[in-house]
């Protein structure tokens, strides 16, 4: 995994916060739980001990995953990009759905940041791929599983 993975500044900060919490809160808590379970005696039949060890393995795996993602991240500050109105990674795009006449706002983010409920779409999603390089006023056709959808780019912001 030598290639750089794009992350917004906000996305990188969220990963760092999770990593910090895992190292300073979760890791010591699980270490304490293992010590307490160990004090209860026979480890072969100690469900608390085995559950705590399993949880410890998950926490350690997540810590390694986050450290790897952050070490391979290309952190992009969209506020410093001069894309001249073009849709780029990190841009916030206001779209008009030409079928429903609804406006939708998305920010194009890294795969690890994507959260459709909060309007954050992955740079590798079909809609983001259709938008990249386009600009305000352009009409875009997105091939969706339910069929093609047409959008007009109303606004592109770098915030």
C-alpha atoms as a PDB file:
ATOM      1  CA  UNK A   1       0.000   0.000   0.000  1.00  0.00           C
ATOM      2  CA  UNK A   2       2.541   2.553  -1.112  1.00  0.00           C
ATOM      3  CA  UNK A   3       0.206   4.892  -2.978  1.00  0.00           C
ATOM      4  CA  UNK A   4      -1.127   7.942  -1.178  1.00  0.00           C
ATOM      5  CA  UNK A   5      -4.756   7.917  -0.065  1.00  0.00           C
ATOM      6  CA  UNK A   6      -6.534  11.286  -0.276  1.00  0.00           C
ATOM      7  CA  UNK A   7      -8.054  12.653   2.943  1.00  0.00           C
ATOM      8  CA  UNK A   8      -9.532  16.020   3.748  1.00  0.00           C
ATOM      9  CA  UNK A   9      -8.073  17.952   6.683  1.00  0.00           C
ATOM     10  CA  UNK A  10     -11.272  17.246   8.673  1.00  0.00           C
ATOM     11  CA  UNK A  11     -11.154  13.529   7.807  1.00  0.00           C
ATOM     12  CA  UNK A  12      -7.517  13.222   8.903  1.00  0.00           C
ATOM     13  CA  UNK A  13      -8.346  14.993  12.159  1.00  0.00           C
ATOM     14  CA  UNK A  14     -11.214  12.569  12.866  1.00  0.00           C
ATOM     15  CA  UNK A  15      -8.898   9.593  12.277  1.00  0.00           C
ATOM     16  CA  UNK A  16      -6.259  11.138  14.586  1.00  0.00           C
ATOM     17  CA  UNK A  17      -8.899  11.719  17.295  1.00  0.00           C
ATOM     18  CA  UNK A  18     -10.059   8.100  17.051  1.00  0.00           C
ATOM     19  CA  UNK A  19      -6.463   6.872  17.217  1.00  0.00           C
ATOM     20  CA  UNK A  20      -5.775   9.034  20.270  1.00  0.00           C
ATOM     21  CA  UNK A  21      -8.934   7.764  22.009  1.00  0.00           C
ATOM     22  CA  UNK A  22      -8.044   4.141  21.286  1.00  0.00           C
ATOM     23  CA  UNK A  23      -4.523   4.580  22.646  1.00  0.00           C
ATOM     24  CA  UNK A  24      -5.327   6.689  25.724  1.00  0.00           C
ATOM     25  CA  UNK A  25      -8.798   5.448  26.744  1.00  0.00           C
ATOM     26  CA  UNK A  26      -9.668   2.098  25.181  1.00  0.00           C
ATOM     27  CA  UNK A  27      -6.266   0.389  25.386  1.00  0.00           C
ATOM     28  CA  UNK A  28      -5.783   1.115  29.151  1.00  0.00           C
ATOM     29  CA  UNK A  29      -9.419   0.169  29.853  1.00  0.00           C
ATOM     30  CA  UNK A  30      -9.078  -3.217  28.162  1.00  0.00           C
ATOM     31  CA  UNK A  31      -5.708  -3.853  29.827  1.00  0.00           C
ATOM     32  CA  UNK A  32      -7.415  -3.271  33.184  1.00  0.00           C
ATOM     33  CA  UNK A  33     -10.305  -5.578  32.246  1.00  0.00           C
ATOM     34  CA  UNK A  34      -7.842  -8.343  31.312  1.00  0.00           C
ATOM     35  CA  UNK A  35      -5.998  -7.904  34.622  1.00  0.00           C
ATOM     36  CA  UNK A  36      -9.269  -8.100  36.570  1.00  0.00           C
ATOM     37  CA  UNK A  37     -10.420 -11.181  34.642  1.00  0.00           C
ATOM     38  CA  UNK A  38      -7.025 -12.815  35.197  1.00  0.00           C
ATOM     39  CA  UNK A  39      -7.434 -12.259  38.940  1.00  0.00           C
ATOM     40  CA  UNK A  40     -10.563 -14.414  38.876  1.00  0.00           C
ATOM     41  CA  UNK A  41      -8.473 -17.542  38.432  1.00  0.00           C
ATOM     42  CA  UNK A  42      -8.816 -20.337  35.868  1.00  0.00           C
ATOM     43  CA  UNK A  43      -8.393 -18.687  32.443  1.00  0.00           C
ATOM     44  CA  UNK A  44      -9.673 -21.665  30.406  1.00  0.00           C
ATOM     45  CA  UNK A  45     -13.240 -21.167  31.566  1.00  0.00           C
ATOM     46  CA  UNK A  46     -13.140 -17.429  32.155  1.00  0.00           C
ATOM     47  CA  UNK A  47     -15.526 -15.816  29.633  1.00  0.00           C
ATOM     48  CA  UNK A  48     -14.664 -12.256  30.723  1.00  0.00           C
ATOM     49  CA  UNK A  49     -10.978 -12.919  30.099  1.00  0.00           C
ATOM     50  CA  UNK A  50     -11.567 -14.331  26.620  1.00  0.00           C
ATOM     51  CA  UNK A  51     -13.973 -11.510  25.703  1.00  0.00           C
ATOM     52  CA  UNK A  52     -11.486  -8.899  26.916  1.00  0.00           C
ATOM     53  CA  UNK A  53      -8.648 -10.531  24.950  1.00  0.00           C
ATOM     54  CA  UNK A  54     -10.808 -10.582  21.818  1.00  0.00           C
ATOM     55  CA  UNK A  55     -11.681  -6.918  22.303  1.00  0.00           C
ATOM     56  CA  UNK A  56      -7.990  -6.132  22.841  1.00  0.00           C
ATOM     57  CA  UNK A  57      -7.136  -7.786  19.514  1.00  0.00           C
ATOM     58  CA  UNK A  58      -9.811  -5.706  17.737  1.00  0.00           C
ATOM     59  CA  UNK A  59      -8.550  -2.468  19.304  1.00  0.00           C
ATOM     60  CA  UNK A  60      -4.935  -3.235  18.399  1.00  0.00           C
ATOM     61  CA  UNK A  61      -5.961  -4.082  14.812  1.00  0.00           C
ATOM     62  CA  UNK A  62      -7.881  -0.789  14.518  1.00  0.00           C
ATOM     63  CA  UNK A  63      -4.892   1.149  15.910  1.00  0.00           C
ATOM     64  CA  UNK A  64      -2.615  -0.448  13.287  1.00  0.00           C
ATOM     65  CA  UNK A  65      -5.201   0.290  10.566  1.00  0.00           C
ATOM     66  CA  UNK A  66      -5.492   3.963  11.569  1.00  0.00           C
ATOM     67  CA  UNK A  67      -1.719   4.408  11.841  1.00  0.00           C
ATOM     68  CA  UNK A  68      -1.305   2.906   8.378  1.00  0.00           C
ATOM     69  CA  UNK A  69      -4.042   5.083   6.859  1.00  0.00           C
ATOM     70  CA  UNK A  70      -2.585   8.236   8.387  1.00  0.00           C
ATOM     71  CA  UNK A  71       0.960   7.371   7.312  1.00  0.00           C
ATOM     72  CA  UNK A  72      -0.237   6.840   3.732  1.00  0.00           C
ATOM     73  CA  UNK A  73      -2.604   9.814   3.667  1.00  0.00           C
ATOM     74  CA  UNK A  74      -2.276  12.699   1.295  1.00  0.00           C
ATOM     75  CA  UNK A  75      -4.023  15.394   3.311  1.00  0.00           C
ATOM     76  CA  UNK A  76      -5.690  17.898   1.035  1.00  0.00           C
ATOM     77  CA  UNK A  77      -6.779  21.290   2.327  1.00  0.00           C
ATOM     78  CA  UNK A  78      -9.546  22.214  -0.085  1.00  0.00           C
ATOM     79  CA  UNK A  79      -9.531  25.852   1.118  1.00  0.00           C
ATOM     80  CA  UNK A  80      -6.060  26.237  -0.431  1.00  0.00           C
ATOM     81  CA  UNK A  81      -6.938  24.708  -3.804  1.00  0.00           C
ATOM     82  CA  UNK A  82      -7.286  27.022  -6.788  1.00  0.00           C
ATOM     83  CA  UNK A  83      -9.435  24.884  -9.057  1.00  0.00           C
ATOM     84  CA  UNK A  84     -11.125  27.795 -10.855  1.00  0.00           C
ATOM     85  CA  UNK A  85     -14.641  26.553 -10.236  1.00  0.00           C
ATOM     86  CA  UNK A  86     -13.956  22.948 -11.207  1.00  0.00           C
ATOM     87  CA  UNK A  87     -15.121  20.021  -9.079  1.00  0.00           C
ATOM     88  CA  UNK A  88     -12.084  18.500  -7.355  1.00  0.00           C
ATOM     89  CA  UNK A  89     -11.422  16.281  -4.347  1.00  0.00           C
ATOM     90  CA  UNK A  90     -12.692  18.010  -1.222  1.00  0.00           C
ATOM     91  CA  UNK A  91     -15.045  20.358  -3.058  1.00  0.00           C
ATOM     92  CA  UNK A  92     -18.614  20.827  -1.888  1.00  0.00           C
ATOM     93  CA  UNK A  93     -21.005  20.576  -4.825  1.00  0.00           C
ATOM     94  CA  UNK A  94     -24.624  21.715  -4.939  1.00  0.00           C
ATOM     95  CA  UNK A  95     -26.546  19.692  -7.520  1.00  0.00           C
ATOM     96  CA  UNK A  96     -30.008  20.058  -8.987  1.00  0.00           C
ATOM     97  CA  UNK A  97     -31.619  16.700  -9.696  1.00  0.00           C
ATOM     98  CA  UNK A  98     -33.178  17.394 -13.106  1.00  0.00           C
ATOM     99  CA  UNK A  99     -35.853  14.720 -12.605  1.00  0.00           C
ATOM    100  CA  UNK A 100     -37.096  15.655  -9.122  1.00  0.00           C
ATOM    101  CA  UNK A 101     -36.024  19.352  -9.162  1.00  0.00           C
ATOM    102  CA  UNK A 102     -34.465  18.758  -5.711  1.00  0.00           C
ATOM    103  CA  UNK A 103     -31.171  20.322  -4.694  1.00  0.00           C
ATOM    104  CA  UNK A 104     -28.619  18.022  -3.099  1.00  0.00           C
ATOM    105  CA  UNK A 105     -25.293  19.021  -1.547  1.00  0.00           C
ATOM    106  CA  UNK A 106     -22.321  16.667  -1.426  1.00  0.00           C
ATOM    107  CA  UNK A 107     -18.703  17.010  -0.403  1.00  0.00           C
ATOM    108  CA  UNK A 108     -16.282  14.728  -2.220  1.00  0.00           C
ATOM    109  CA  UNK A 109     -14.067  13.017   0.362  1.00  0.00           C
ATOM    110  CA  UNK A 110     -11.755  10.031   0.797  1.00  0.00           C
ATOM    111  CA  UNK A 111     -13.128   6.496   1.027  1.00  0.00           C
ATOM    112  CA  UNK A 112     -12.630   6.391   4.820  1.00  0.00           C
ATOM    113  CA  UNK A 113     -14.568   9.633   5.321  1.00  0.00           C
ATOM    114  CA  UNK A 114     -17.614   8.857   3.195  1.00  0.00           C
ATOM    115  CA  UNK A 115     -20.943   9.162   5.025  1.00  0.00           C
ATOM    116  CA  UNK A 116     -23.918   9.607   2.713  1.00  0.00           C
ATOM    117  CA  UNK A 117     -26.165  10.550   5.675  1.00  0.00           C
ATOM    118  CA  UNK A 118     -23.999  13.663   6.155  1.00  0.00           C
ATOM    119  CA  UNK A 119     -23.565  14.441   2.444  1.00  0.00           C
ATOM    120  CA  UNK A 120     -20.009  13.067   2.288  1.00  0.00           C
ATOM    121  CA  UNK A 121     -19.465  10.955  -0.821  1.00  0.00           C
ATOM    122  CA  UNK A 122     -16.417   8.882  -1.671  1.00  0.00           C
ATOM    123  CA  UNK A 123     -14.142  10.168  -4.409  1.00  0.00           C
ATOM    124  CA  UNK A 124     -14.400   6.687  -5.950  1.00  0.00           C
ATOM    125  CA  UNK A 125     -18.222   6.664  -6.049  1.00  0.00           C
ATOM    126  CA  UNK A 126     -19.967   6.835  -9.437  1.00  0.00           C
ATOM    127  CA  UNK A 127     -21.420  10.274  -8.717  1.00  0.00           C
ATOM    128  CA  UNK A 128     -18.078  11.754  -7.627  1.00  0.00           C
ATOM    129  CA  UNK A 129     -16.314  10.281 -10.655  1.00  0.00           C
ATOM    130  CA  UNK A 130     -18.956  11.864 -12.907  1.00  0.00           C
ATOM    131  CA  UNK A 131     -18.509  15.254 -11.199  1.00  0.00           C
ATOM    132  CA  UNK A 132     -14.697  15.526 -11.018  1.00  0.00           C
ATOM    133  CA  UNK A 133     -13.389  18.047 -13.529  1.00  0.00           C
ATOM    134  CA  UNK A 134     -16.807  19.546 -14.283  1.00  0.00           C
ATOM    135  CA  UNK A 135     -17.923  23.052 -13.291  1.00  0.00           C
ATOM    136  CA  UNK A 136     -20.956  25.181 -12.406  1.00  0.00           C
ATOM    137  CA  UNK A 137     -23.655  25.029 -15.081  1.00  0.00           C
ATOM    138  CA  UNK A 138     -22.540  21.653 -16.424  1.00  0.00           C
ATOM    139  CA  UNK A 139     -25.093  18.892 -16.742  1.00  0.00           C
ATOM    140  CA  UNK A 140     -23.907  15.495 -15.602  1.00  0.00           C
ATOM    141  CA  UNK A 141     -25.359  12.032 -16.159  1.00  0.00           C
ATOM    142  CA  UNK A 142     -24.643   9.575 -13.373  1.00  0.00           C
ATOM    143  CA  UNK A 143     -25.058   5.878 -14.024  1.00  0.00           C
ATOM    144  CA  UNK A 144     -26.808   4.628 -10.895  1.00  0.00           C
ATOM    145  CA  UNK A 145     -28.025   1.086 -10.175  1.00  0.00           C
ATOM    146  CA  UNK A 146     -31.624   2.273 -10.575  1.00  0.00           C
ATOM    147  CA  UNK A 147     -30.817   3.890 -13.935  1.00  0.00           C
ATOM    148  CA  UNK A 148     -29.217   7.072 -15.218  1.00  0.00           C
ATOM    149  CA  UNK A 149     -29.785  10.251 -13.211  1.00  0.00           C
ATOM    150  CA  UNK A 150     -29.254  13.761 -14.542  1.00  0.00           C
ATOM    151  CA  UNK A 151     -27.927  16.626 -12.460  1.00  0.00           C
ATOM    152  CA  UNK A 152     -26.966  20.213 -13.066  1.00  0.00           C
ATOM    153  CA  UNK A 153     -24.048  21.575 -11.069  1.00  0.00           C
ATOM    154  CA  UNK A 154     -25.484  24.661  -9.336  1.00  0.00           C
ATOM    155  CA  UNK A 155     -22.496  25.625  -7.210  1.00  0.00           C
ATOM    156  CA  UNK A 156     -18.957  24.488  -6.400  1.00  0.00           C
ATOM    157  CA  UNK A 157     -17.442  25.575  -3.068  1.00  0.00           C
ATOM    158  CA  UNK A 158     -14.036  25.006  -1.517  1.00  0.00           C
ATOM    159  CA  UNK A 159     -14.630  25.179   2.230  1.00  0.00           C
END
